[in-house]
C-alpha atoms as a PDB file:
ATOM      1  CA  MET A   1      -0.080   0.176  -0.284  1.00  0.00           C
ATOM      2  CA  VAL A   2       1.159   3.536  -1.149  1.00  0.00           C
ATOM      3  CA  GLN A   3       1.692   5.869   1.309  1.00  0.00           C
ATOM      4  CA  ALA A   4      -0.144   9.260   1.391  1.00  0.00           C
ATOM      5  CA  LYS A   5       2.085  12.172   1.568  1.00  0.00           C
ATOM      6  CA  GLN A   6       1.500  14.328   4.912  1.00  0.00           C
ATOM      7  CA  LYS A   7      -0.071  17.708   4.187  1.00  0.00           C
ATOM      8  CA  ALA A   8       1.780  20.637   5.405  1.00  0.00           C
ATOM      9  CA  LYS A   9       1.110  22.492   8.536  1.00  0.00           C
ATOM     10  CA  GLY A  10      -0.306  25.687   8.296  1.00  0.00           C
ATOM     11  CA  PRO A  11      -0.862  28.166   5.751  1.00  0.00           C
ATOM     12  CA  ARG A  12      -0.118  28.176   2.140  1.00  0.00           C
ATOM     13  CA  GLN A  13       2.405  30.548   0.800  1.00  0.00           C
ATOM     14  CA  LYS A  14       1.331  32.416  -2.028  1.00  0.00           C
ATOM     15  CA  HIS A  15       3.179  32.299  -5.686  1.00  0.00           C
ATOM     16  CA  ILE A  16       4.611  35.651  -6.233  1.00  0.00           C
ATOM     17  CA  PRO A  17       6.042  35.807  -9.700  1.00  0.00           C
ATOM     18  CA  GLN A  18       9.595  36.654 -10.735  1.00  0.00           C
ATOM     19  CA  ARG A  19      10.593  38.641 -13.418  1.00  0.00           C
ATOM     20  CA  MET A  20      13.730  39.778 -14.888  1.00  0.00           C
ATOM     21  CA  CYS A  21      15.066  43.130 -15.726  1.00  0.00           C
ATOM     22  CA  ILE A  22      16.099  43.086 -19.406  1.00  0.00           C
ATOM     23  CA  ALA A  23      19.263  45.324 -18.272  1.00  0.00           C
ATOM     24  CA  CYS A  24      20.961  44.144 -15.499  1.00  0.00           C
ATOM     25  CA  ARG A  25      19.563  40.522 -15.432  1.00  0.00           C
ATOM     26  CA  ARG A  26      18.578  40.771 -11.798  1.00  0.00           C
ATOM     27  CA  SER A  27      15.270  38.872 -11.169  1.00  0.00           C
ATOM     28  CA  GLU A  28      12.997  40.562  -8.942  1.00  0.00           C
ATOM     29  CA  ALA A  29       9.375  39.995  -7.710  1.00  0.00           C
ATOM     30  CA  LYS A  30       7.085  41.217 -10.949  1.00  0.00           C
ATOM     31  CA  ARG A  31       5.026  44.100  -8.654  1.00  0.00           C
ATOM     32  CA  GLY A  32       8.864  45.487  -7.975  1.00  0.00           C
ATOM     33  CA  LEU A  33       9.975  45.753 -11.419  1.00  0.00           C
ATOM     34  CA  MET A  34       8.038  48.353 -14.286  1.00  0.00           C
ATOM     35  CA  ARG A  35       6.802  46.645 -17.607  1.00  0.00           C
ATOM     36  CA  ILE A  36       7.272  48.194 -20.647  1.00  0.00           C
ATOM     37  CA  VAL A  37       4.312  46.909 -23.421  1.00  0.00           C
ATOM     38  CA  ARG A  38       4.207  47.198 -26.708  1.00  0.00           C
ATOM     39  CA  ASP A  39       0.507  47.182 -28.303  1.00  0.00           C
ATOM     40  CA  VAL A  40      -0.962  45.631 -31.708  1.00  0.00           C
ATOM     41  CA  ASN A  41      -0.038  48.802 -33.199  1.00  0.00           C
ATOM     42  CA  GLY A  42       3.136  48.677 -32.936  1.00  0.00           C
ATOM     43  CA  ARG A  43       3.168  51.408 -29.976  1.00  0.00           C
ATOM     44  CA  VAL A  44       5.843  50.953 -27.386  1.00  0.00           C
ATOM     45  CA  SER A  45       4.285  52.488 -23.568  1.00  0.00           C
ATOM     46  CA  LEU A  46       4.663  51.974 -19.719  1.00  0.00           C
ATOM     47  CA  ASP A  47       2.139  49.234 -18.180  1.00  0.00           C
ATOM     48  CA  PRO A  48       1.905  50.407 -14.537  1.00  0.00           C
ATOM     49  CA  THR A  49      -1.020  47.757 -13.801  1.00  0.00           C
ATOM     50  CA  GLY A  50       1.201  44.976 -15.417  1.00  0.00           C
ATOM     51  CA  LYS A  51      -2.102  43.393 -17.205  1.00  0.00           C
ATOM     52  CA  ARG A  52      -2.408  45.692 -20.753  1.00  0.00           C
ATOM     53  CA  ALA A  53      -2.309  43.229 -23.980  1.00  0.00           C
ATOM     54  CA  GLY A  54       1.027  42.779 -25.587  1.00  0.00           C
ATOM     55  CA  ARG A  55       4.678  41.555 -25.491  1.00  0.00           C
ATOM     56  CA  GLY A  56       6.138  42.924 -22.127  1.00  0.00           C
ATOM     57  CA  ALA A  57       9.914  43.610 -20.874  1.00  0.00           C
ATOM     58  CA  TYR A  58      10.690  44.274 -17.515  1.00  0.00           C
ATOM     59  CA  LEU A  59      13.319  47.341 -16.099  1.00  0.00           C
ATOM     60  CA  CYS A  60      14.647  48.248 -12.490  1.00  0.00           C
ATOM     61  CA  HIS A  61      13.450  51.718 -10.863  1.00  0.00           C
ATOM     62  CA  ASP A  62      17.462  51.927 -11.633  1.00  0.00           C
ATOM     63  CA  PRO A  63      18.274  54.854 -13.757  1.00  0.00           C
ATOM     64  CA  ALA A  64      21.282  53.193 -14.989  1.00  0.00           C
ATOM     65  CA  CYS A  65      19.127  50.253 -16.399  1.00  0.00           C
ATOM     66  CA  TRP A  66      16.137  52.887 -18.242  1.00  0.00           C
ATOM     67  CA  GLU A  67      19.800  54.220 -19.894  1.00  0.00           C
ATOM     68  CA  GLN A  68      21.378  51.271 -20.412  1.00  0.00           C
ATOM     69  CA  ALA A  69      18.242  49.466 -22.395  1.00  0.00           C
ATOM     70  CA  LEU A  70      17.767  52.712 -24.526  1.00  0.00           C
ATOM     71  CA  ARG A  71      21.041  53.620 -25.521  1.00  0.00           C
ATOM     72  CA  ARG A  72      21.969  49.447 -26.645  1.00  0.00           C
ATOM     73  CA  HIS A  73      18.586  48.956 -27.951  1.00  0.00           C
ATOM     74  CA  GLY A  74      17.536  46.356 -25.533  1.00  0.00           C
ATOM     75  CA  LEU A  75      13.762  47.284 -25.800  1.00  0.00           C
ATOM     76  CA  GLU A  76      13.534  47.259 -29.424  1.00  0.00           C
ATOM     77  CA  ARG A  77      15.009  43.509 -29.386  1.00  0.00           C
ATOM     78  CA  VAL A  78      12.799  42.519 -26.674  1.00  0.00           C
ATOM     79  CA  LEU A  79       9.694  43.834 -27.878  1.00  0.00           C
ATOM     80  CA  ARG A  80      10.652  42.929 -31.236  1.00  0.00           C
ATOM     81  CA  VAL A  81      10.353  46.266 -32.763  1.00  0.00           C
ATOM     82  CA  GLU A  82      12.556  47.517 -35.869  1.00  0.00           C
ATOM     83  CA  THR A  83      13.001  50.605 -33.951  1.00  0.00           C
ATOM     84  CA  LEU A  84      11.019  53.103 -31.053  1.00  0.00           C
ATOM     85  CA  LEU A  85       8.924  55.704 -32.575  1.00  0.00           C
ATOM     86  CA  ASP A  86      10.338  59.405 -31.834  1.00  0.00           C
ATOM     87  CA  GLU A  87       7.660  60.051 -29.138  1.00  0.00           C
ATOM     88  CA  ASP A  88       7.740  56.414 -27.953  1.00  0.00           C
ATOM     89  CA  ARG A  89      11.437  57.221 -26.720  1.00  0.00           C
ATOM     90  CA  ALA A  90      10.955  60.726 -25.747  1.00  0.00           C
ATOM     91  CA  ALA A  91       8.310  59.221 -23.321  1.00  0.00           C
ATOM     92  CA  LEU A  92      10.571  56.658 -22.109  1.00  0.00           C
ATOM     93  CA  GLU A  93      13.098  58.884 -21.816  1.00  0.00           C
ATOM     94  CA  GLN A  94      11.237  61.315 -19.464  1.00  0.00           C
ATOM     95  CA  ILE A  95      10.492  58.599 -17.507  1.00  0.00           C
ATOM     96  CA  ALA A  96      14.022  57.453 -16.975  1.00  0.00           C
ATOM     97  CA  ARG A  97      14.698  61.382 -16.114  1.00  0.00           C
ATOM     98  CA  ASP A  98      11.773  61.074 -13.420  1.00  0.00           C
ATOM     99  CA  LEU A  99      13.503  58.556 -11.677  1.00  0.00           C
ATOM    100  CA  VAL A 100      16.863  60.228 -11.558  1.00  0.00           C
ATOM    101  CA  VAL A 101      15.287  63.374  -9.784  1.00  0.00           C
ATOM    102  CA  SER A 102      12.896  60.653  -7.701  1.00  0.00           C
ATOM    103  CA  GLN A 103      16.488  58.697  -7.066  1.00  0.00           C
ATOM    104  CA  SER A 104      18.131  62.327  -6.049  1.00  0.00           C
ATOM    105  CA  ALA A 105      15.548  62.955  -3.825  1.00  0.00           C
ATOM    106  CA  ILE A 106      15.534  59.965  -1.916  1.00  0.00           C
ATOM    107  CA  THR A 107      19.328  60.098  -1.247  1.00  0.00           C
ATOM    108  CA  GLU A 108      19.183  64.111  -0.402  1.00  0.00           C
END
């Protein structure tokens, strides 16, 4: 007779999805990273909810990761687009600048 496995005592641990930053390759909880999404029309934008339809990529809150992803065309590669539209790139660069400002405000 095969013995049944004993059930663990106490509450079950909640599963926390992990994602990887495309620039620094550090794994973190999905909610701890910022999601960039390419929609069906080929537009690239920030997805604050993490639920929008489309191909997604994740970046840390570190401004250096944003700079690297934009400079080395990591977002284009991961999101499978030829090039970012000028207005999409400008919006993402503005987000990166805002991160620099918020990081400097935290350190002061």
